Every structure is written in C-alpha cells, then in structure tokens.
Amino acid sequence: MPNKPFKKLEREGAKLIEGWRYPANTGGAVDFESEHLCGQAKLVKEMSLSVLTSHVLAIEGAAQRRGKKALLMVKLRAGKGVQTPALICMTDQTFREMFPSFRDAMKEVALCPSDDHPERSPTSVTNVEGG
C-alpha cells in the first residue's frame, strides 16, 4: 500500500473517529466516515482562514446529506522530518450539537478539579469572555 502523507492523514482520521477511509477518493467530498461522522483531511503548507472555512462548510454539507456531523482534519506540512499536530475543525453549530452541555461532557474526561479557581457561573461575563 502506498504510504503517501495525505493518505496516511486520511487513515489517521478514520482511526480517530473509529471509521473507515474511502480509497482513491471514492467517497466524493468525504475522505473518511464512521457511523455518526464524516471527515475530510487536508495536508497543507498554508491555508487562509477563508479557505479553511469553505472546506469546513463543504464537508459539513456533505455530512448533512448523509445525516451525520462533520469534521475537517488539517495538518501543516512543515517539511521533511518536521512533526506537526493535526487540527480538528468544525463549525460552532456542529460543536454545540455534539456537546450540548460542555460542562457535563467534561465530567466524562475525568479532569481533576482545581481549588485555585472560584466556581463561576457558565454564563458569567468573565467566564464567557475569558477575563
């Protein structure tokens, strides 16, 4: 099996969502898919925010037609031997639909509570604005 970097990224995306990869772009706009998610992988040297947004909206449209949520997996191609992390991008609407109660979702992650910070209301101005 050829191990082109973009194919490797597609395989990593499929593994991340516990799904499968479409070989030779047979999935159309969808590079990888699972029971609930569709994804597209982009390996780039650079990408503007407007182009990133258009790719996220395109994969979201393809996923909606399949009755699923979408994500875009973007990885910077920084040069031979230079490792970069993959970024997972989605619209804020998709994030809200996937995590309707973010606080409840974080309980599943088993974060250790810190006594250093006073309890804040989820809707307090300082909490929302990061102040």
Foldseek 3Di string as FASTA:
>chain_A
DDPPPQVVQLVVVQVVVVWDADPPCPVPLFGTDHPAETEEEEEEQDDDPVRVVVNQVVQQVVQVVVVHGYWYWYWHCPDPPDDTHIDIDHDPVSVCVVCVPVVVVVVVVVDDDDPPDDDDDCPDPCNVVVD
